[in-house]
Amino acid sequence: MARYTTNNKNGVKRKCGCCGENLYINKNNIDDAIYYDKKTYHSSCFINICQKRIANKRADVSAKWTWIYDHIDSIKKDTYSHLAVAIEQDEIFEFIKEAYDLTIIPTTVWQKLSNIYNGTFKGMSVGIPPSDLLDMWQRKIDMLNGIAKKNEVKGIHMQPEQRLSYDLSILVNKYDSYLRWKEKQKILEAEKETEKSQNIVSQSIGYTNVSKDSKADTDDISDLVDDIFG
């Protein structure tokens, strides 16, 4: 699995395939990068390459880079898909360092993470995208810390690598309930948007009918949804 380094949490570090300068890519500046033919470029550098190659006297070279330039929007979409995953993996790296007070993450943990993303981790039938894993982990870190403390009281002392592997196994087992929770969240959000729209229409005609009971029902449903991913 590739290792990505960071510069003060500013993002994934890559070297421009044109100018040779380092790029630190994160979700805020991902549009400033182009990933093409297994190399990463500054967007401006890549555009300059295209324009120079299009002006090439060799017809085959000019035609190739004209096609690339004409499909730049598609290349940017592919770039986003490729780099977004790397950025999410980097965010997990930063989260682990902070949550588990580590400066170096063992290679075995990187391999486990790779297996989880790919769905080849023991007992898995589908992979977990880095974005889902990070969201689960952040939501459940207090619970995981609580389990670790209980284990300590029982005399079960884990090294950071063991603790990470243990916690990852718990998160993998919770993924099905997490997906159900996400789906319920979408339904609740849709219902809230519908209710909001209805309230706006009612207010526009001078009529409101939002009872305390309906609000209580919504709160009860939200609590129930939270329990799904307990």
C-alpha atoms as a PDB file:
ATOM      1  CA  MET A   1       0.000   0.000   0.000  1.00  0.00           C
ATOM      2  CA  ALA A   2       1.291   3.457  -0.877  1.00  0.00           C
ATOM      3  CA  ARG A   3       2.435   5.698   1.964  1.00  0.00           C
ATOM      4  CA  TYR A   4       1.328   9.325   1.858  1.00  0.00           C
ATOM      5  CA  THR A   5       3.110  11.999   3.852  1.00  0.00           C
ATOM      6  CA  THR A   6       1.743  15.315   4.952  1.00  0.00           C
ATOM      7  CA  ASN A   7       2.960  18.842   5.546  1.00  0.00           C
ATOM      8  CA  ASN A   8       1.318  20.204   8.694  1.00  0.00           C
ATOM      9  CA  LYS A   9      -1.872  18.353   7.788  1.00  0.00           C
ATOM     10  CA  ASN A  10      -2.118  20.255   4.515  1.00  0.00           C
ATOM     11  CA  GLY A  11      -2.768  17.133   2.491  1.00  0.00           C
ATOM     12  CA  VAL A  12      -1.315  14.337   0.424  1.00  0.00           C
ATOM     13  CA  LYS A  13       2.186  15.050  -0.833  1.00  0.00           C
ATOM     14  CA  ARG A  14       2.894  14.489  -4.524  1.00  0.00           C
ATOM     15  CA  LYS A  15       5.568  15.783  -6.912  1.00  0.00           C
ATOM     16  CA  CYS A  16       4.479  17.558 -10.081  1.00  0.00           C
ATOM     17  CA  GLY A  17       5.387  15.500 -13.142  1.00  0.00           C
ATOM     18  CA  CYS A  18       6.227  18.704 -15.004  1.00  0.00           C
ATOM     19  CA  CYS A  19       7.937  21.312 -12.786  1.00  0.00           C
ATOM     20  CA  GLY A  20       9.082  18.878 -10.092  1.00  0.00           C
ATOM     21  CA  GLU A  21       7.724  20.957  -7.203  1.00  0.00           C
ATOM     22  CA  ASN A  22       5.812  19.317  -4.354  1.00  0.00           C
ATOM     23  CA  LEU A  23       2.021  19.477  -4.261  1.00  0.00           C
ATOM     24  CA  TYR A  24       0.142  19.157  -0.974  1.00  0.00           C
ATOM     25  CA  ILE A  25      -3.339  18.152  -2.032  1.00  0.00           C
ATOM     26  CA  ASN A  26      -6.411  18.282   0.194  1.00  0.00           C
ATOM     27  CA  LYS A  27     -10.160  18.553  -0.328  1.00  0.00           C
ATOM     28  CA  ASN A  28      -9.947  22.335  -0.554  1.00  0.00           C
ATOM     29  CA  ASN A  29      -7.429  22.476  -3.413  1.00  0.00           C
ATOM     30  CA  ILE A  30      -7.986  19.166  -5.211  1.00  0.00           C
ATOM     31  CA  ASP A  31      -9.036  21.087  -8.350  1.00  0.00           C
ATOM     32  CA  ASP A  32      -5.499  22.493  -8.569  1.00  0.00           C
ATOM     33  CA  ALA A  33      -4.117  19.038  -9.446  1.00  0.00           C
ATOM     34  CA  ILE A  34      -4.345  16.741 -12.456  1.00  0.00           C
ATOM     35  CA  TYR A  35      -3.666  13.007 -12.293  1.00  0.00           C
ATOM     36  CA  TYR A  36      -2.900  11.499 -15.692  1.00  0.00           C
ATOM     37  CA  ASP A  37      -0.944   8.460 -16.877  1.00  0.00           C
ATOM     38  CA  LYS A  38       0.128   7.603 -13.293  1.00  0.00           C
ATOM     39  CA  LYS A  39       1.588  11.064 -12.686  1.00  0.00           C
ATOM     40  CA  THR A  40       0.286  14.067 -10.769  1.00  0.00           C
ATOM     41  CA  TYR A  41       0.645  17.634 -12.073  1.00  0.00           C
ATOM     42  CA  HIS A  42      -0.294  21.154 -11.151  1.00  0.00           C
ATOM     43  CA  SER A  43      -3.356  21.881 -13.269  1.00  0.00           C
ATOM     44  CA  SER A  44      -1.587  24.896 -14.790  1.00  0.00           C
ATOM     45  CA  CYS A  45       1.485  22.789 -15.618  1.00  0.00           C
ATOM     46  CA  PHE A  46      -0.657  20.143 -17.292  1.00  0.00           C
ATOM     47  CA  ILE A  47      -2.511  22.722 -19.378  1.00  0.00           C
ATOM     48  CA  ASN A  48       0.829  24.195 -20.489  1.00  0.00           C
ATOM     49  CA  ILE A  49       2.033  20.721 -21.501  1.00  0.00           C
ATOM     50  CA  CYS A  50      -1.123  20.203 -23.549  1.00  0.00           C
ATOM     51  CA  GLN A  51      -0.769  23.525 -25.329  1.00  0.00           C
ATOM     52  CA  LYS A  52       2.908  22.948 -26.140  1.00  0.00           C
ATOM     53  CA  ARG A  53       2.317  19.421 -27.417  1.00  0.00           C
ATOM     54  CA  ILE A  54      -0.661  20.546 -29.510  1.00  0.00           C
ATOM     55  CA  ALA A  55       1.675  23.024 -31.215  1.00  0.00           C
ATOM     56  CA  ASN A  56       4.130  20.200 -31.994  1.00  0.00           C
ATOM     57  CA  LYS A  57       5.025  19.811 -35.659  1.00  0.00           C
ATOM     58  CA  ARG A  58       4.452  16.051 -35.504  1.00  0.00           C
ATOM     59  CA  ALA A  59       0.826  15.439 -36.434  1.00  0.00           C
ATOM     60  CA  ASP A  60       0.481  12.311 -34.290  1.00  0.00           C
ATOM     61  CA  VAL A  61       1.742  14.102 -31.157  1.00  0.00           C
ATOM     62  CA  SER A  62      -0.462  17.123 -31.833  1.00  0.00           C
ATOM     63  CA  ALA A  63      -3.540  14.923 -32.397  1.00  0.00           C
ATOM     64  CA  LYS A  64      -2.948  12.932 -29.196  1.00  0.00           C
ATOM     65  CA  TRP A  65      -2.649  16.017 -26.999  1.00  0.00           C
ATOM     66  CA  THR A  66      -5.520  17.765 -28.739  1.00  0.00           C
ATOM     67  CA  TRP A  67      -7.691  14.801 -27.731  1.00  0.00           C
ATOM     68  CA  ILE A  68      -6.373  14.984 -24.143  1.00  0.00           C
ATOM     69  CA  TYR A  69      -7.037  18.726 -23.974  1.00  0.00           C
ATOM     70  CA  ASP A  70     -10.557  18.274 -25.367  1.00  0.00           C
ATOM     71  CA  HIS A  71     -11.267  15.659 -22.668  1.00  0.00           C
ATOM     72  CA  ILE A  72      -9.795  17.654 -19.788  1.00  0.00           C
ATOM     73  CA  ASP A  73     -13.115  17.700 -17.890  1.00  0.00           C
ATOM     74  CA  SER A  74     -13.248  13.898 -17.920  1.00  0.00           C
ATOM     75  CA  ILE A  75      -9.618  13.731 -16.788  1.00  0.00           C
ATOM     76  CA  LYS A  76     -10.427  16.092 -13.917  1.00  0.00           C
ATOM     77  CA  LYS A  77     -13.298  13.841 -12.805  1.00  0.00           C
ATOM     78  CA  ASP A  78     -10.973  10.831 -12.839  1.00  0.00           C
ATOM     79  CA  THR A  79      -8.418  12.902 -10.937  1.00  0.00           C
ATOM     80  CA  TYR A  80     -10.963  13.716  -8.236  1.00  0.00           C
ATOM     81  CA  SER A  81     -11.947  10.053  -7.860  1.00  0.00           C
ATOM     82  CA  HIS A  82      -8.310   8.984  -7.576  1.00  0.00           C
ATOM     83  CA  LEU A  83      -7.075  11.723  -5.253  1.00  0.00           C
ATOM     84  CA  ALA A  84     -10.183  11.853  -3.041  1.00  0.00           C
ATOM     85  CA  VAL A  85      -9.495   8.290  -1.894  1.00  0.00           C
ATOM     86  CA  ALA A  86      -5.839   9.136  -1.168  1.00  0.00           C
ATOM     87  CA  ILE A  87      -6.922  12.209   0.814  1.00  0.00           C
ATOM     88  CA  GLU A  88      -9.430  10.179   2.852  1.00  0.00           C
ATOM     89  CA  GLN A  89      -6.752   7.595   3.618  1.00  0.00           C
ATOM     90  CA  ASP A  90      -4.466  10.424   4.703  1.00  0.00           C
ATOM     91  CA  GLU A  91      -7.213  11.758   6.995  1.00  0.00           C
ATOM     92  CA  ILE A  92      -7.414   8.310   8.617  1.00  0.00           C
ATOM     93  CA  PHE A  93      -3.628   8.404   9.075  1.00  0.00           C
ATOM     94  CA  GLU A  94      -3.885  11.773  10.858  1.00  0.00           C
ATOM     95  CA  PHE A  95      -6.842  10.599  12.950  1.00  0.00           C
ATOM     96  CA  ILE A  96      -4.982   7.487  14.125  1.00  0.00           C
ATOM     97  CA  LYS A  97      -1.925   9.540  15.094  1.00  0.00           C
ATOM     98  CA  GLU A  98      -4.049  11.904  17.176  1.00  0.00           C
ATOM     99  CA  ALA A  99      -6.549   9.438  18.673  1.00  0.00           C
ATOM    100  CA  TYR A 100      -3.954   6.814  19.613  1.00  0.00           C
ATOM    101  CA  ASP A 101      -1.077   9.196  20.352  1.00  0.00           C
ATOM    102  CA  LEU A 102       1.237   7.638  17.754  1.00  0.00           C
ATOM    103  CA  THR A 103       3.973   9.093  15.568  1.00  0.00           C
ATOM    104  CA  ILE A 104       4.577   5.935  13.533  1.00  0.00           C
ATOM    105  CA  ILE A 105       1.839   3.551  12.418  1.00  0.00           C
ATOM    106  CA  PRO A 106       3.017  -0.083  12.176  1.00  0.00           C
ATOM    107  CA  THR A 107       3.132  -1.632   8.702  1.00  0.00           C
ATOM    108  CA  THR A 108       0.793  -4.404   9.853  1.00  0.00           C
ATOM    109  CA  VAL A 109      -1.893  -1.819  10.592  1.00  0.00           C
ATOM    110  CA  TRP A 110      -1.482  -0.290   7.121  1.00  0.00           C
ATOM    111  CA  GLN A 111      -1.983  -3.774   5.666  1.00  0.00           C
ATOM    112  CA  LYS A 112      -5.125  -4.313   7.741  1.00  0.00           C
ATOM    113  CA  LEU A 113      -6.489  -0.975   6.560  1.00  0.00           C
ATOM    114  CA  SER A 114      -5.763  -1.936   2.954  1.00  0.00           C
ATOM    115  CA  ASN A 115      -7.575  -5.253   3.464  1.00  0.00           C
ATOM    116  CA  ILE A 116     -10.559  -3.435   4.981  1.00  0.00           C
ATOM    117  CA  TYR A 117     -10.776  -1.039   2.027  1.00  0.00           C
ATOM    118  CA  ASN A 118     -10.570  -3.991  -0.389  1.00  0.00           C
ATOM    119  CA  GLY A 119     -12.958  -6.231   1.566  1.00  0.00           C
ATOM    120  CA  THR A 120     -10.334  -8.962   2.112  1.00  0.00           C
ATOM    121  CA  PHE A 121     -10.158  -8.509   5.891  1.00  0.00           C
ATOM    122  CA  LYS A 122     -11.221 -11.609   7.840  1.00  0.00           C
ATOM    123  CA  GLY A 123     -15.003 -12.055   7.893  1.00  0.00           C
ATOM    124  CA  MET A 124     -15.722  -9.283   5.359  1.00  0.00           C
ATOM    125  CA  SER A 125     -17.897  -9.699   2.274  1.00  0.00           C
ATOM    126  CA  VAL A 126     -17.594  -6.095   1.002  1.00  0.00           C
ATOM    127  CA  GLY A 127     -14.952  -3.421   1.400  1.00  0.00           C
ATOM    128  CA  ILE A 128     -15.386  -0.318   3.551  1.00  0.00           C
ATOM    129  CA  PRO A 129     -14.556   2.975   1.785  1.00  0.00           C
ATOM    130  CA  PRO A 130     -12.076   5.138   3.703  1.00  0.00           C
ATOM    131  CA  SER A 131     -14.741   7.851   4.122  1.00  0.00           C
ATOM    132  CA  ASP A 132     -17.118   5.415   5.854  1.00  0.00           C
ATOM    133  CA  LEU A 133     -14.375   3.953   8.028  1.00  0.00           C
ATOM    134  CA  LEU A 134     -13.253   7.399   9.169  1.00  0.00           C
ATOM    135  CA  ASP A 135     -16.826   8.491   9.925  1.00  0.00           C
ATOM    136  CA  MET A 136     -17.486   5.325  11.942  1.00  0.00           C
ATOM    137  CA  TRP A 137     -14.189   5.635  13.774  1.00  0.00           C
ATOM    138  CA  GLN A 138     -14.748   9.266  14.726  1.00  0.00           C
ATOM    139  CA  ARG A 139     -18.262   8.542  15.946  1.00  0.00           C
ATOM    140  CA  LYS A 140     -17.200   5.505  17.969  1.00  0.00           C
ATOM    141  CA  ILE A 141     -13.800   6.533  19.355  1.00  0.00           C
ATOM    142  CA  ASP A 142     -15.302   7.336  22.782  1.00  0.00           C
ATOM    143  CA  MET A 143     -16.917   3.898  22.880  1.00  0.00           C
ATOM    144  CA  LEU A 144     -13.643   2.253  21.816  1.00  0.00           C
ATOM    145  CA  ASN A 145     -11.732   4.179  24.481  1.00  0.00           C
ATOM    146  CA  GLY A 146     -14.284   2.994  27.031  1.00  0.00           C
ATOM    147  CA  ILE A 147     -13.777  -0.631  25.989  1.00  0.00           C
ATOM    148  CA  ALA A 148     -10.000  -0.178  26.264  1.00  0.00           C
ATOM    149  CA  LYS A 149     -10.362   1.164  29.811  1.00  0.00           C
ATOM    150  CA  LYS A 150     -12.554  -1.794  30.803  1.00  0.00           C
ATOM    151  CA  ASN A 151      -9.953  -4.159  29.377  1.00  0.00           C
ATOM    152  CA  GLU A 152      -7.247  -2.405  31.390  1.00  0.00           C
ATOM    153  CA  VAL A 153      -9.286  -2.887  34.577  1.00  0.00           C
ATOM    154  CA  LYS A 154      -9.559  -6.589  33.713  1.00  0.00           C
ATOM    155  CA  GLY A 155      -5.785  -6.769  33.356  1.00  0.00           C
ATOM    156  CA  ILE A 156      -5.833  -6.895  29.556  1.00  0.00           C
ATOM    157  CA  HIS A 157      -3.041  -4.529  28.496  1.00  0.00           C
ATOM    158  CA  MET A 158      -2.684  -3.911  24.771  1.00  0.00           C
ATOM    159  CA  GLN A 159       0.166  -2.338  22.859  1.00  0.00           C
ATOM    160  CA  PRO A 160      -0.940   0.362  20.369  1.00  0.00           C
ATOM    161  CA  GLU A 161      -0.701  -2.075  17.444  1.00  0.00           C
ATOM    162  CA  GLN A 162      -2.851  -4.646  19.262  1.00  0.00           C
ATOM    163  CA  ARG A 163      -5.342  -1.966  20.297  1.00  0.00           C
ATOM    164  CA  LEU A 164      -5.649  -0.709  16.715  1.00  0.00           C
ATOM    165  CA  SER A 165      -6.258  -4.217  15.371  1.00  0.00           C
ATOM    166  CA  TYR A 166      -8.811  -4.863  18.120  1.00  0.00           C
ATOM    167  CA  ASP A 167     -10.665  -1.607  17.410  1.00  0.00           C
ATOM    168  CA  LEU A 168     -10.654  -2.236  13.653  1.00  0.00           C
ATOM    169  CA  SER A 169     -12.277  -5.628  14.212  1.00  0.00           C
ATOM    170  CA  ILE A 170     -15.041  -3.942  16.230  1.00  0.00           C
ATOM    171  CA  LEU A 171     -15.620  -1.339  13.513  1.00  0.00           C
ATOM    172  CA  VAL A 172     -15.748  -3.988  10.775  1.00  0.00           C
ATOM    173  CA  ASN A 173     -18.410  -5.870  12.750  1.00  0.00           C
ATOM    174  CA  LYS A 174     -20.441  -2.678  13.099  1.00  0.00           C
ATOM    175  CA  TYR A 175     -20.389  -1.776   9.406  1.00  0.00           C
ATOM    176  CA  ASP A 176     -23.746  -3.385   8.567  1.00  0.00           C
ATOM    177  CA  SER A 177     -25.472  -1.471  11.366  1.00  0.00           C
ATOM    178  CA  TYR A 178     -23.631   1.692  10.272  1.00  0.00           C
ATOM    179  CA  LEU A 179     -25.003   1.330   6.727  1.00  0.00           C
ATOM    180  CA  ARG A 180     -28.533   0.875   8.111  1.00  0.00           C
ATOM    181  CA  TRP A 181     -28.000   3.960  10.269  1.00  0.00           C
ATOM    182  CA  LYS A 182     -26.837   5.983   7.238  1.00  0.00           C
ATOM    183  CA  GLU A 183     -29.894   4.939   5.261  1.00  0.00           C
ATOM    184  CA  LYS A 184     -32.208   5.918   8.110  1.00  0.00           C
ATOM    185  CA  GLN A 185     -30.418   9.256   8.360  1.00  0.00           C
ATOM    186  CA  LYS A 186     -31.138   9.911   4.685  1.00  0.00           C
ATOM    187  CA  ILE A 187     -34.818   9.114   5.235  1.00  0.00           C
ATOM    188  CA  LEU A 188     -34.991  11.408   8.257  1.00  0.00           C
ATOM    189  CA  GLU A 189     -33.289  14.228   6.349  1.00  0.00           C
ATOM    190  CA  ALA A 190     -35.751  13.807   3.473  1.00  0.00           C
ATOM    191  CA  GLU A 191     -38.665  13.897   5.919  1.00  0.00           C
ATOM    192  CA  LYS A 192     -37.295  17.034   7.579  1.00  0.00           C
ATOM    193  CA  GLU A 193     -36.903  18.741   4.190  1.00  0.00           C
ATOM    194  CA  THR A 194     -40.472  17.810   3.290  1.00  0.00           C
ATOM    195  CA  GLU A 195     -41.766  19.116   6.628  1.00  0.00           C
ATOM    196  CA  LYS A 196     -39.728  22.299   6.179  1.00  0.00           C
ATOM    197  CA  SER A 197     -41.202  22.852   2.717  1.00  0.00           C
ATOM    198  CA  GLN A 198     -44.722  22.259   4.029  1.00  0.00           C
ATOM    199  CA  ASN A 199     -44.163  24.751   6.862  1.00  0.00           C
ATOM    200  CA  ILE A 200     -42.918  27.383   4.401  1.00  0.00           C
ATOM    201  CA  VAL A 201     -46.035  26.902   2.245  1.00  0.00           C
ATOM    202  CA  SER A 202     -48.306  27.016   5.307  1.00  0.00           C
ATOM    203  CA  GLN A 203     -46.665  30.182   6.604  1.00  0.00           C
ATOM    204  CA  SER A 204     -46.943  31.825   3.198  1.00  0.00           C
ATOM    205  CA  ILE A 205     -50.731  31.432   3.361  1.00  0.00           C
ATOM    206  CA  GLY A 206     -50.887  32.397   7.042  1.00  0.00           C
ATOM    207  CA  TYR A 207     -51.492  28.921   8.478  1.00  0.00           C
ATOM    208  CA  THR A 208     -49.307  26.793  10.762  1.00  0.00           C
ATOM    209  CA  ASN A 209     -49.983  23.371  12.203  1.00  0.00           C
ATOM    210  CA  VAL A 210     -46.782  22.143  13.803  1.00  0.00           C
ATOM    211  CA  SER A 211     -47.767  20.538  17.071  1.00  0.00           C
ATOM    212  CA  LYS A 212     -45.553  19.660  20.006  1.00  0.00           C
ATOM    213  CA  ASP A 213     -46.537  16.040  19.530  1.00  0.00           C
ATOM    214  CA  SER A 214     -45.177  15.954  15.969  1.00  0.00           C
ATOM    215  CA  LYS A 215     -41.867  17.417  17.161  1.00  0.00           C
ATOM    216  CA  ALA A 216     -41.720  14.839  19.943  1.00  0.00           C
ATOM    217  CA  ASP A 217     -42.341  12.085  17.394  1.00  0.00           C
ATOM    218  CA  THR A 218     -39.443  13.352  15.278  1.00  0.00           C
ATOM    219  CA  ASP A 219     -37.145  13.402  18.314  1.00  0.00           C
ATOM    220  CA  ASP A 220     -38.199   9.868  19.248  1.00  0.00           C
ATOM    221  CA  ILE A 221     -37.445   8.639  15.723  1.00  0.00           C
ATOM    222  CA  SER A 222     -34.034  10.340  15.793  1.00  0.00           C
ATOM    223  CA  ASP A 223     -33.198   8.595  19.071  1.00  0.00           C
ATOM    224  CA  LEU A 224     -34.303   5.293  17.583  1.00  0.00           C
ATOM    225  CA  VAL A 225     -32.100   5.830  14.548  1.00  0.00           C
ATOM    226  CA  ASP A 226     -29.117   6.601  16.787  1.00  0.00           C
ATOM    227  CA  ASP A 227     -29.677   3.287  18.572  1.00  0.00           C
ATOM    228  CA  ILE A 228     -29.326   1.404  15.277  1.00  0.00           C
ATOM    229  CA  PHE A 229     -25.632   2.242  15.181  1.00  0.00           C
ATOM    230  CA  GLY A 230     -25.171   1.752  18.915  1.00  0.00           C
END
